[in-house]
């Protein structure tokens, strides 16, 4: 019975997203609300996507330094990532672009 419970706990651990060690400050376009980003003009949307790509690059570097997958974005082009973010943000307009980008990162990391 203990083995079954331990196995179930380990299996559930795979489904849980990592927990942050503490609060952090988002700077730049990532701090704007999803609602504002979705409704922004093309220039502002491009600026936000540049921030997203920089975030993903930083996460790839962090993963590489920790001997993990250093290319979570492989197979996902910029247009596809932007479409995913637009869909996410349309359903979560009060989230900020940073949260949406984190959710995209978790999705790509599966």
PDB file of N, CA and C in Angstrom:
ATOM      1  N   UNK A   1       0.817  -1.190   0.000  1.00  0.00           N
ATOM      2  CA  UNK A   1       0.000   0.000   0.000  1.00  0.00           C
ATOM      3  C   UNK A   1       0.866   1.262   0.000  1.00  0.00           C
ATOM      4  N   UNK A   2       1.953   1.240   0.819  1.00  0.00           N
ATOM      5  CA  UNK A   2       2.844   2.398   0.860  1.00  0.00           C
ATOM      6  C   UNK A   2       3.468   2.648  -0.501  1.00  0.00           C
ATOM      7  N   UNK A   3       3.785   1.588  -1.226  1.00  0.00           N
ATOM      8  CA  UNK A   3       4.380   1.721  -2.555  1.00  0.00           C
ATOM      9  C   UNK A   3       3.405   2.388  -3.509  1.00  0.00           C
ATOM     10  N   UNK A   4       2.152   2.007  -3.435  1.00  0.00           N
ATOM     11  CA  UNK A   4       1.133   2.602  -4.312  1.00  0.00           C
ATOM     12  C   UNK A   4       0.971   4.085  -4.004  1.00  0.00           C
ATOM     13  N   UNK A   5       0.923   4.444  -2.737  1.00  0.00           N
ATOM     14  CA  UNK A   5       0.778   5.843  -2.346  1.00  0.00           C
ATOM     15  C   UNK A   5       2.006   6.640  -2.787  1.00  0.00           C
ATOM     16  N   UNK A   6       3.195   6.089  -2.573  1.00  0.00           N
ATOM     17  CA  UNK A   6       4.422   6.775  -2.979  1.00  0.00           C
ATOM     18  C   UNK A   6       4.448   6.963  -4.489  1.00  0.00           C
ATOM     19  N   UNK A   7       4.056   5.952  -5.231  1.00  0.00           N
ATOM     20  CA  UNK A   7       4.030   6.051  -6.689  1.00  0.00           C
ATOM     21  C   UNK A   7       3.031   7.112  -7.141  1.00  0.00           C
ATOM     22  N   UNK A   8       1.882   7.153  -6.505  1.00  0.00           N
ATOM     23  CA  UNK A   8       0.866   8.154  -6.848  1.00  0.00           C
ATOM     24  C   UNK A   8       1.378   9.552  -6.556  1.00  0.00           C
ATOM     25  N   UNK A   9       2.054   9.736  -5.438  1.00  0.00           N
ATOM     26  CA  UNK A   9       2.603  11.049  -5.086  1.00  0.00           C
ATOM     27  C   UNK A   9       3.670  11.481  -6.076  1.00  0.00           C
ATOM     28  N   UNK A  10       4.520  10.562  -6.470  1.00  0.00           N
ATOM     29  CA  UNK A  10       5.558  10.872  -7.454  1.00  0.00           C
ATOM     30  C   UNK A  10       4.914  11.227  -8.781  1.00  0.00           C
ATOM     31  N   UNK A  11       3.917  10.457  -9.183  1.00  0.00           N
ATOM     32  CA  UNK A  11       3.216  10.732 -10.436  1.00  0.00           C
ATOM     33  C   UNK A  11       2.534  12.084 -10.423  1.00  0.00           C
ATOM     34  N   UNK A  12       1.926  12.453  -9.313  1.00  0.00           N
ATOM     35  CA  UNK A  12       1.282  13.753  -9.204  1.00  0.00           C
ATOM     36  C   UNK A  12       2.304  14.881  -9.216  1.00  0.00           C
ATOM     37  N   UNK A  13       3.475  14.629  -8.693  1.00  0.00           N
ATOM     38  CA  UNK A  13       4.525  15.647  -8.686  1.00  0.00           C
ATOM     39  C   UNK A  13       4.902  16.095 -10.075  1.00  0.00           C
ATOM     40  N   UNK A  14       4.769  15.225 -11.048  1.00  0.00           N
ATOM     41  CA  UNK A  14       5.079  15.571 -12.436  1.00  0.00           C
ATOM     42  C   UNK A  14       4.072  16.580 -12.973  1.00  0.00           C
ATOM     43  N   UNK A  15       2.841  16.548 -12.461  1.00  0.00           N
ATOM     44  CA  UNK A  15       1.791  17.433 -12.938  1.00  0.00           C
ATOM     45  C   UNK A  15       1.833  18.814 -12.294  1.00  0.00           C
ATOM     46  N   UNK A  16       2.538  18.958 -11.189  1.00  0.00           N
ATOM     47  CA  UNK A  16       2.581  20.210 -10.454  1.00  0.00           C
ATOM     48  C   UNK A  16       3.639  21.131 -11.048  1.00  0.00           C
ATOM     49  N   UNK A  17       3.265  22.382 -11.281  1.00  0.00           N
ATOM     50  CA  UNK A  17       4.222  23.342 -11.807  1.00  0.00           C
ATOM     51  C   UNK A  17       5.144  23.802 -10.689  1.00  0.00           C
ATOM     52  N   UNK A  18       6.359  24.211 -11.052  1.00  0.00           N
ATOM     53  CA  UNK A  18       7.314  24.633 -10.029  1.00  0.00           C
ATOM     54  C   UNK A  18       6.783  25.828  -9.233  1.00  0.00           C
ATOM     55  N   UNK A  19       7.203  25.906  -7.989  1.00  0.00           N
ATOM     56  CA  UNK A  19       6.812  27.009  -7.117  1.00  0.00           C
ATOM     57  C   UNK A  19       7.966  27.997  -7.031  1.00  0.00           C
ATOM     58  N   UNK A  20       7.641  29.272  -7.084  1.00  0.00           N
ATOM     59  CA  UNK A  20       8.667  30.302  -6.984  1.00  0.00           C
ATOM     60  C   UNK A  20       9.166  30.395  -5.554  1.00  0.00           C
ATOM     61  N   UNK A  21      10.437  30.701  -5.410  1.00  0.00           N
ATOM     62  CA  UNK A  21      11.034  30.833  -4.084  1.00  0.00           C
ATOM     63  C   UNK A  21      10.540  32.096  -3.374  1.00  0.00           C
ATOM     64  N   UNK A  22      10.112  33.066  -4.126  1.00  0.00           N
ATOM     65  CA  UNK A  22       9.622  34.311  -3.546  1.00  0.00           C
ATOM     66  C   UNK A  22       9.107  35.228  -4.631  1.00  0.00           C
ATOM     67  N   UNK A  23       8.610  36.389  -4.235  1.00  0.00           N
ATOM     68  CA  UNK A  23       8.081  37.323  -5.218  1.00  0.00           C
ATOM     69  C   UNK A  23       9.200  37.905  -6.085  1.00  0.00           C
ATOM     70  N   UNK A  24       8.835  38.329  -7.256  1.00  0.00           N
ATOM     71  CA  UNK A  24       9.790  38.984  -8.148  1.00  0.00           C
ATOM     72  C   UNK A  24       9.061  40.071  -8.916  1.00  0.00           C
ATOM     73  N   UNK A  25       9.816  40.992  -9.500  1.00  0.00           N
ATOM     74  CA  UNK A  25       9.240  42.121 -10.220  1.00  0.00           C
ATOM     75  C   UNK A  25       9.410  41.894 -11.714  1.00  0.00           C
ATOM     76  N   UNK A  26       8.334  42.040 -12.442  1.00  0.00           N
ATOM     77  CA  UNK A  26       8.379  41.962 -13.898  1.00  0.00           C
ATOM     78  C   UNK A  26       8.591  43.368 -14.433  1.00  0.00           C
ATOM     79  N   UNK A  27       9.534  43.519 -15.335  1.00  0.00           N
ATOM     80  CA  UNK A  27       9.801  44.830 -15.931  1.00  0.00           C
ATOM     81  C   UNK A  27       9.532  44.775 -17.435  1.00  0.00           C
ATOM     82  N   UNK A  28       9.239  45.929 -18.013  1.00  0.00           N
ATOM     83  CA  UNK A  28       9.025  46.005 -19.450  1.00  0.00           C
ATOM     84  C   UNK A  28       7.625  45.570 -19.839  1.00  0.00           C
ATOM     85  N   UNK A  29       7.460  45.224 -21.108  1.00  0.00           N
ATOM     86  CA  UNK A  29       6.142  44.870 -21.634  1.00  0.00           C
ATOM     87  C   UNK A  29       5.474  43.695 -20.927  1.00  0.00           C
ATOM     88  N   UNK A  30       6.242  42.846 -20.284  1.00  0.00           N
ATOM     89  CA  UNK A  30       5.662  41.713 -19.578  1.00  0.00           C
ATOM     90  C   UNK A  30       4.771  42.111 -18.421  1.00  0.00           C
ATOM     91  N   UNK A  31       4.895  43.345 -17.962  1.00  0.00           N
ATOM     92  CA  UNK A  31       4.095  43.815 -16.836  1.00  0.00           C
ATOM     93  C   UNK A  31       2.701  44.289 -17.253  1.00  0.00           C
ATOM     94  N   UNK A  32       2.465  44.471 -18.550  1.00  0.00           N
ATOM     95  CA  UNK A  32       1.150  44.955 -18.986  1.00  0.00           C
ATOM     96  C   UNK A  32       0.112  43.838 -18.949  1.00  0.00           C
ATOM     97  N   UNK A  33      -1.125  44.223 -18.821  1.00  0.00           N
ATOM     98  CA  UNK A  33      -2.185  43.221 -18.755  1.00  0.00           C
ATOM     99  C   UNK A  33      -2.357  42.532 -20.102  1.00  0.00           C
ATOM    100  N   UNK A  34      -2.828  41.311 -20.031  1.00  0.00           N
ATOM    101  CA  UNK A  34      -3.126  40.563 -21.260  1.00  0.00           C
ATOM    102  C   UNK A  34      -4.158  41.307 -22.105  1.00  0.00           C
ATOM    103  N   UNK A  35      -5.170  41.854 -21.438  1.00  0.00           N
ATOM    104  CA  UNK A  35      -6.207  42.578 -22.171  1.00  0.00           C
ATOM    105  C   UNK A  35      -5.636  43.731 -22.974  1.00  0.00           C
ATOM    106  N   UNK A  36      -4.728  44.485 -22.361  1.00  0.00           N
ATOM    107  CA  UNK A  36      -4.110  45.618 -23.065  1.00  0.00           C
ATOM    108  C   UNK A  36      -3.238  45.121 -24.215  1.00  0.00           C
ATOM    109  N   UNK A  37      -2.495  44.042 -23.977  1.00  0.00           N
ATOM    110  CA  UNK A  37      -1.596  43.529 -25.017  1.00  0.00           C
ATOM    111  C   UNK A  37      -2.374  43.019 -26.228  1.00  0.00           C
ATOM    112  N   UNK A  38      -3.475  42.308 -25.988  1.00  0.00           N
ATOM    113  CA  UNK A  38      -4.275  41.780 -27.098  1.00  0.00           C
ATOM    114  C   UNK A  38      -4.851  42.914 -27.938  1.00  0.00           C
ATOM    115  N   UNK A  39      -5.265  43.996 -27.296  1.00  0.00           N
ATOM    116  CA  UNK A  39      -5.889  45.111 -28.006  1.00  0.00           C
ATOM    117  C   UNK A  39      -4.883  46.128 -28.549  1.00  0.00           C
ATOM    118  N   UNK A  40      -3.611  45.943 -28.260  1.00  0.00           N
ATOM    119  CA  UNK A  40      -2.578  46.911 -28.661  1.00  0.00           C
ATOM    120  C   UNK A  40      -2.410  46.961 -30.178  1.00  0.00           C
ATOM    121  N   UNK A  41      -1.854  48.088 -30.651  1.00  0.00           N
ATOM    122  CA  UNK A  41      -1.561  48.190 -32.081  1.00  0.00           C
ATOM    123  C   UNK A  41      -0.398  47.265 -32.429  1.00  0.00           C
ATOM    124  N   UNK A  42      -0.162  47.080 -33.714  1.00  0.00           N
ATOM    125  CA  UNK A  42       0.840  46.103 -34.163  1.00  0.00           C
ATOM    126  C   UNK A  42       2.227  46.391 -33.595  1.00  0.00           C
ATOM    127  N   UNK A  43       2.612  47.654 -33.541  1.00  0.00           N
ATOM    128  CA  UNK A  43       3.932  48.014 -33.034  1.00  0.00           C
ATOM    129  C   UNK A  43       4.101  47.586 -31.568  1.00  0.00           C
ATOM    130  N   UNK A  44       3.079  47.828 -30.768  1.00  0.00           N
ATOM    131  CA  UNK A  44       3.143  47.437 -29.357  1.00  0.00           C
ATOM    132  C   UNK A  44       3.119  45.925 -29.196  1.00  0.00           C
ATOM    133  N   UNK A  45       2.358  45.232 -30.053  1.00  0.00           N
ATOM    134  CA  UNK A  45       2.322  43.771 -29.991  1.00  0.00           C
ATOM    135  C   UNK A  45       3.694  43.203 -30.336  1.00  0.00           C
ATOM    136  N   UNK A  46       4.361  43.781 -31.343  1.00  0.00           N
ATOM    137  CA  UNK A  46       5.708  43.323 -31.719  1.00  0.00           C
ATOM    138  C   UNK A  46       6.664  43.548 -30.562  1.00  0.00           C
ATOM    139  N   UNK A  47       6.548  44.686 -29.900  1.00  0.00           N
ATOM    140  CA  UNK A  47       7.394  44.994 -28.754  1.00  0.00           C
ATOM    141  C   UNK A  47       7.175  43.950 -27.646  1.00  0.00           C
ATOM    142  N   UNK A  48       5.919  43.603 -27.398  1.00  0.00           N
ATOM    143  CA  UNK A  48       5.606  42.584 -26.399  1.00  0.00           C
ATOM    144  C   UNK A  48       6.163  41.223 -26.787  1.00  0.00           C
ATOM    145  N   UNK A  49       6.064  40.864 -28.069  1.00  0.00           N
ATOM    146  CA  UNK A  49       6.597  39.575 -28.519  1.00  0.00           C
ATOM    147  C   UNK A  49       8.117  39.552 -28.404  1.00  0.00           C
ATOM    148  N   UNK A  50       8.765  40.675 -28.612  1.00  0.00           N
ATOM    149  CA  UNK A  50      10.222  40.732 -28.417  1.00  0.00           C
ATOM    150  C   UNK A  50      10.553  40.417 -26.962  1.00  0.00           C
ATOM    151  N   UNK A  51       9.742  40.952 -26.049  1.00  0.00           N
ATOM    152  CA  UNK A  51       9.936  40.659 -24.630  1.00  0.00           C
ATOM    153  C   UNK A  51       9.737  39.162 -24.370  1.00  0.00           C
ATOM    154  N   UNK A  52       8.676  38.586 -24.950  1.00  0.00           N
ATOM    155  CA  UNK A  52       8.381  37.153 -24.786  1.00  0.00           C
ATOM    156  C   UNK A  52       9.559  36.309 -25.278  1.00  0.00           C
ATOM    157  N   UNK A  53      10.093  36.635 -26.450  1.00  0.00           N
ATOM    158  CA  UNK A  53      11.198  35.856 -27.009  1.00  0.00           C
ATOM    159  C   UNK A  53      12.450  35.989 -26.142  1.00  0.00           C
ATOM    160  N   UNK A  54      12.684  37.181 -25.586  1.00  0.00           N
ATOM    161  CA  UNK A  54      13.802  37.354 -24.661  1.00  0.00           C
ATOM    162  C   UNK A  54      13.616  36.526 -23.400  1.00  0.00           C
ATOM    163  N   UNK A  55      12.381  36.468 -22.903  1.00  0.00           N
ATOM    164  CA  UNK A  55      12.063  35.646 -21.732  1.00  0.00           C
ATOM    165  C   UNK A  55      12.343  34.185 -22.026  1.00  0.00           C
ATOM    166  N   UNK A  56      11.866  33.709 -23.179  1.00  0.00           N
ATOM    167  CA  UNK A  56      12.070  32.303 -23.554  1.00  0.00           C
ATOM    168  C   UNK A  56      13.561  31.993 -23.713  1.00  0.00           C
ATOM    169  N   UNK A  57      14.311  32.927 -24.281  1.00  0.00           N
ATOM    170  CA  UNK A  57      15.755  32.740 -24.434  1.00  0.00           C
ATOM    171  C   UNK A  57      16.418  32.637 -23.062  1.00  0.00           C
ATOM    172  N   UNK A  58      15.998  33.496 -22.135  1.00  0.00           N
ATOM    173  CA  UNK A  58      16.559  33.444 -20.776  1.00  0.00           C
ATOM    174  C   UNK A  58      16.227  32.119 -20.094  1.00  0.00           C
ATOM    175  N   UNK A  59      15.003  31.622 -20.301  1.00  0.00           N
ATOM    176  CA  UNK A  59      14.634  30.336 -19.713  1.00  0.00           C
ATOM    177  C   UNK A  59      15.436  29.201 -20.346  1.00  0.00           C
ATOM    178  N   UNK A  60      15.669  29.273 -21.650  1.00  0.00           N
ATOM    179  CA  UNK A  60      16.501  28.268 -22.318  1.00  0.00           C
ATOM    180  C   UNK A  60      17.913  28.273 -21.731  1.00  0.00           C
ATOM    181  N   UNK A  61      18.468  29.458 -21.515  1.00  0.00           N
ATOM    182  CA  UNK A  61      19.802  29.579 -20.918  1.00  0.00           C
ATOM    183  C   UNK A  61      19.803  29.003 -19.503  1.00  0.00           C
ATOM    184  N   UNK A  62      18.806  29.380 -18.702  1.00  0.00           N
ATOM    185  CA  UNK A  62      18.711  28.856 -17.339  1.00  0.00           C
ATOM    186  C   UNK A  62      18.647  27.327 -17.352  1.00  0.00           C
ATOM    187  N   UNK A  63      17.828  26.784 -18.237  1.00  0.00           N
ATOM    188  CA  UNK A  63      17.721  25.324 -18.338  1.00  0.00           C
ATOM    189  C   UNK A  63      19.047  24.699 -18.735  1.00  0.00           C
ATOM    190  N   UNK A  64      19.721  25.302 -19.704  1.00  0.00           N
ATOM    191  CA  UNK A  64      21.001  24.779 -20.173  1.00  0.00           C
ATOM    192  C   UNK A  64      22.034  24.773 -19.051  1.00  0.00           C
ATOM    193  N   UNK A  65      22.046  25.826 -18.252  1.00  0.00           N
ATOM    194  CA  UNK A  65      22.985  25.906 -17.129  1.00  0.00           C
ATOM    195  C   UNK A  65      22.671  24.858 -16.066  1.00  0.00           C
ATOM    196  N   UNK A  66      21.411  24.460 -15.987  1.00  0.00           N
ATOM    197  CA  UNK A  66      20.989  23.437 -15.026  1.00  0.00           C
ATOM    198  C   UNK A  66      20.921  22.054 -15.654  1.00  0.00           C
ATOM    199  N   UNK A  67      21.586  21.899 -16.799  1.00  0.00           N
ATOM    200  CA  UNK A  67      21.655  20.626 -17.519  1.00  0.00           C
ATOM    201  C   UNK A  67      20.270  20.077 -17.858  1.00  0.00           C
ATOM    202  N   UNK A  68      19.370  20.966 -18.214  1.00  0.00           N
ATOM    203  CA  UNK A  68      18.034  20.572 -18.655  1.00  0.00           C
ATOM    204  C   UNK A  68      17.890  20.940 -20.133  1.00  0.00           C
ATOM    205  N   UNK A  69      16.693  20.793 -20.663  1.00  0.00           N
ATOM    206  CA  UNK A  69      16.434  21.107 -22.062  1.00  0.00           C
ATOM    207  C   UNK A  69      16.693  22.587 -22.318  1.00  0.00           C
ATOM    208  N   UNK A  70      17.713  22.885 -23.088  1.00  0.00           N
ATOM    209  CA  UNK A  70      18.081  24.259 -23.406  1.00  0.00           C
ATOM    210  C   UNK A  70      17.366  24.812 -24.616  1.00  0.00           C
ATOM    211  N   UNK A  71      16.314  24.134 -25.072  1.00  0.00           N
ATOM    212  CA  UNK A  71      15.562  24.638 -26.220  1.00  0.00           C
ATOM    213  C   UNK A  71      14.098  24.215 -26.120  1.00  0.00           C
ATOM    214  N   UNK A  72      13.398  24.770 -25.141  1.00  0.00           N
ATOM    215  CA  UNK A  72      11.987  24.406 -24.984  1.00  0.00           C
ATOM    216  C   UNK A  72      11.132  24.929 -26.126  1.00  0.00           C
ATOM    217  N   UNK A  73      11.647  25.888 -26.866  1.00  0.00           N
ATOM    218  CA  UNK A  73      10.868  26.468 -27.961  1.00  0.00           C
ATOM    219  C   UNK A  73      11.070  25.751 -29.295  1.00  0.00           C
ATOM    220  N   UNK A  74      11.850  24.682 -29.312  1.00  0.00           N
ATOM    221  CA  UNK A  74      12.080  23.991 -30.583  1.00  0.00           C
ATOM    222  C   UNK A  74      10.755  23.508 -31.152  1.00  0.00           C
ATOM    223  N   UNK A  75      10.555  23.752 -32.416  1.00  0.00           N
ATOM    224  CA  UNK A  75       9.324  23.350 -33.079  1.00  0.00           C
ATOM    225  C   UNK A  75       8.209  24.368 -32.946  1.00  0.00           C
ATOM    226  N   UNK A  76       8.407  25.409 -32.157  1.00  0.00           N
ATOM    227  CA  UNK A  76       7.388  26.449 -31.998  1.00  0.00           C
ATOM    228  C   UNK A  76       7.911  27.741 -32.613  1.00  0.00           C
ATOM    229  N   UNK A  77       7.324  28.134 -33.737  1.00  0.00           N
ATOM    230  CA  UNK A  77       7.758  29.382 -34.365  1.00  0.00           C
ATOM    231  C   UNK A  77       7.102  30.573 -33.662  1.00  0.00           C
ATOM    232  N   UNK A  78       7.601  31.752 -33.949  1.00  0.00           N
ATOM    233  CA  UNK A  78       7.125  32.967 -33.287  1.00  0.00           C
ATOM    234  C   UNK A  78       5.637  33.186 -33.509  1.00  0.00           C
ATOM    235  N   UNK A  79       5.153  32.980 -34.736  1.00  0.00           N
ATOM    236  CA  UNK A  79       3.733  33.184 -35.022  1.00  0.00           C
ATOM    237  C   UNK A  79       2.862  32.239 -34.196  1.00  0.00           C
ATOM    238  N   UNK A  80       3.290  30.991 -34.053  1.00  0.00           N
ATOM    239  CA  UNK A  80       2.519  30.020 -33.263  1.00  0.00           C
ATOM    240  C   UNK A  80       2.506  30.399 -31.788  1.00  0.00           C
ATOM    241  N   UNK A  81       3.649  30.855 -31.280  1.00  0.00           N
ATOM    242  CA  UNK A  81       3.692  31.278 -29.883  1.00  0.00           C
ATOM    243  C   UNK A  81       2.802  32.504 -29.669  1.00  0.00           C
ATOM    244  N   UNK A  82       2.817  33.437 -30.617  1.00  0.00           N
ATOM    245  CA  UNK A  82       1.967  34.624 -30.488  1.00  0.00           C
ATOM    246  C   UNK A  82       0.490  34.230 -30.510  1.00  0.00           C
ATOM    247  N   UNK A  83       0.106  33.326 -31.387  1.00  0.00           N
ATOM    248  CA  UNK A  83      -1.279  32.867 -31.445  1.00  0.00           C
ATOM    249  C   UNK A  83      -1.688  32.212 -30.127  1.00  0.00           C
ATOM    250  N   UNK A  84      -0.796  31.380 -29.565  1.00  0.00           N
ATOM    251  CA  UNK A  84      -1.083  30.737 -28.280  1.00  0.00           C
ATOM    252  C   UNK A  84      -1.307  31.802 -27.207  1.00  0.00           C
ATOM    253  N   UNK A  85      -0.436  32.816 -27.199  1.00  0.00           N
ATOM    254  CA  UNK A  85      -0.546  33.882 -26.200  1.00  0.00           C
ATOM    255  C   UNK A  85      -1.821  34.698 -26.386  1.00  0.00           C
ATOM    256  N   UNK A  86      -2.178  34.993 -27.622  1.00  0.00           N
ATOM    257  CA  UNK A  86      -3.421  35.742 -27.883  1.00  0.00           C
ATOM    258  C   UNK A  86      -4.613  34.941 -27.360  1.00  0.00           C
ATOM    259  N   UNK A  87      -4.628  33.643 -27.637  1.00  0.00           N
ATOM    260  CA  UNK A  87      -5.728  32.803 -27.149  1.00  0.00           C
ATOM    261  C   UNK A  87      -5.765  32.781 -25.619  1.00  0.00           C
ATOM    262  N   UNK A  88      -4.589  32.604 -24.993  1.00  0.00           N
ATOM    263  CA  UNK A  88      -4.527  32.589 -23.535  1.00  0.00           C
ATOM    264  C   UNK A  88      -4.988  33.935 -22.977  1.00  0.00           C
ATOM    265  N   UNK A  89      -4.430  35.010 -23.512  1.00  0.00           N
ATOM    266  CA  UNK A  89      -4.731  36.347 -22.995  1.00  0.00           C
ATOM    267  C   UNK A  89      -6.189  36.730 -23.220  1.00  0.00           C
ATOM    268  N   UNK A  90      -6.775  36.269 -24.294  1.00  0.00           N
ATOM    269  CA  UNK A  90      -8.191  36.563 -24.546  1.00  0.00           C
ATOM    270  C   UNK A  90      -9.068  35.934 -23.467  1.00  0.00           C
ATOM    271  N   UNK A  91      -8.661  34.792 -22.963  1.00  0.00           N
ATOM    272  CA  UNK A  91      -9.401  34.126 -21.896  1.00  0.00           C
ATOM    273  C   UNK A  91      -9.017  34.567 -20.503  1.00  0.00           C
ATOM    274  N   UNK A  92      -7.878  35.284 -20.388  1.00  0.00           N
ATOM    275  CA  UNK A  92      -7.373  35.728 -19.076  1.00  0.00           C
ATOM    276  C   UNK A  92      -6.916  37.187 -19.174  1.00  0.00           C
ATOM    277  N   UNK A  93      -7.824  38.112 -19.494  1.00  0.00           N
ATOM    278  CA  UNK A  93      -7.408  39.504 -19.743  1.00  0.00           C
ATOM    279  C   UNK A  93      -6.810  40.212 -18.534  1.00  0.00           C
ATOM    280  N   UNK A  94      -7.075  39.733 -17.324  1.00  0.00           N
ATOM    281  CA  UNK A  94      -6.531  40.389 -16.135  1.00  0.00           C
ATOM    282  C   UNK A  94      -5.150  39.884 -15.754  1.00  0.00           C
ATOM    283  N   UNK A  95      -4.720  38.759 -16.331  1.00  0.00           N
ATOM    284  CA  UNK A  95      -3.337  38.297 -16.121  1.00  0.00           C
ATOM    285  C   UNK A  95      -2.401  39.260 -16.833  1.00  0.00           C
ATOM    286  N   UNK A  96      -1.139  39.274 -16.420  1.00  0.00           N
ATOM    287  CA  UNK A  96      -0.187  40.085 -17.171  1.00  0.00           C
ATOM    288  C   UNK A  96       0.506  39.211 -18.221  1.00  0.00           C
ATOM    289  N   UNK A  97       1.205  39.864 -19.139  1.00  0.00           N
ATOM    290  CA  UNK A  97       1.879  39.139 -20.220  1.00  0.00           C
ATOM    291  C   UNK A  97       2.934  38.192 -19.662  1.00  0.00           C
ATOM    292  N   UNK A  98       3.534  38.547 -18.533  1.00  0.00           N
ATOM    293  CA  UNK A  98       4.498  37.664 -17.891  1.00  0.00           C
ATOM    294  C   UNK A  98       3.856  36.333 -17.507  1.00  0.00           C
ATOM    295  N   UNK A  99       2.687  36.381 -16.886  1.00  0.00           N
ATOM    296  CA  UNK A  99       1.993  35.153 -16.482  1.00  0.00           C
ATOM    297  C   UNK A  99       1.632  34.317 -17.712  1.00  0.00           C
ATOM    298  N   UNK A 100       1.157  34.992 -18.751  1.00  0.00           N
ATOM    299  CA  UNK A 100       0.824  34.280 -19.991  1.00  0.00           C
ATOM    300  C   UNK A 100       2.060  33.607 -20.566  1.00  0.00           C
ATOM    301  N   UNK A 101       3.187  34.300 -20.520  1.00  0.00           N
ATOM    302  CA  UNK A 101       4.436  33.745 -21.053  1.00  0.00           C
ATOM    303  C   UNK A 101       4.905  32.561 -20.210  1.00  0.00           C
ATOM    304  N   UNK A 102       4.744  32.656 -18.899  1.00  0.00           N
ATOM    305  CA  UNK A 102       5.072  31.514 -18.030  1.00  0.00           C
ATOM    306  C   UNK A 102       4.214  30.304 -18.394  1.00  0.00           C
ATOM    307  N   UNK A 103       2.929  30.530 -18.626  1.00  0.00           N
ATOM    308  CA  UNK A 103       2.040  29.431 -18.993  1.00  0.00           C
ATOM    309  C   UNK A 103       2.443  28.826 -20.334  1.00  0.00           C
ATOM    310  N   UNK A 104       2.868  29.673 -21.275  1.00  0.00           N
ATOM    311  CA  UNK A 104       3.371  29.171 -22.562  1.00  0.00           C
ATOM    312  C   UNK A 104       4.627  28.334 -22.339  1.00  0.00           C
ATOM    313  N   UNK A 105       5.514  28.817 -21.493  1.00  0.00           N
ATOM    314  CA  UNK A 105       6.738  28.074 -21.184  1.00  0.00           C
ATOM    315  C   UNK A 105       6.401  26.694 -20.608  1.00  0.00           C
ATOM    316  N   UNK A 106       5.464  26.652 -19.645  1.00  0.00           N
ATOM    317  CA  UNK A 106       5.066  25.372 -19.061  1.00  0.00           C
ATOM    318  C   UNK A 106       4.460  24.450 -20.127  1.00  0.00           C
ATOM    319  N   UNK A 107       3.683  25.017 -21.025  1.00  0.00           N
ATOM    320  CA  UNK A 107       3.076  24.230 -22.101  1.00  0.00           C
ATOM    321  C   UNK A 107       4.159  23.635 -23.019  1.00  0.00           C
ATOM    322  N   UNK A 108       5.132  24.456 -23.381  1.00  0.00           N
ATOM    323  CA  UNK A 108       6.207  23.989 -24.265  1.00  0.00           C
ATOM    324  C   UNK A 108       7.143  22.998 -23.571  1.00  0.00           C
ATOM    325  N   UNK A 109       7.182  23.062 -22.240  1.00  0.00           N
ATOM    326  CA  UNK A 109       8.080  22.186 -21.484  1.00  0.00           C
ATOM    327  C   UNK A 109       7.524  20.778 -21.294  1.00  0.00           C
ATOM    328  N   UNK A 110       6.275  20.561 -21.656  1.00  0.00           N
ATOM    329  CA  UNK A 110       5.654  19.236 -21.451  1.00  0.00           C
ATOM    330  C   UNK A 110       6.319  18.191 -22.311  1.00  0.00           C
TER     331      UNK A 110
END
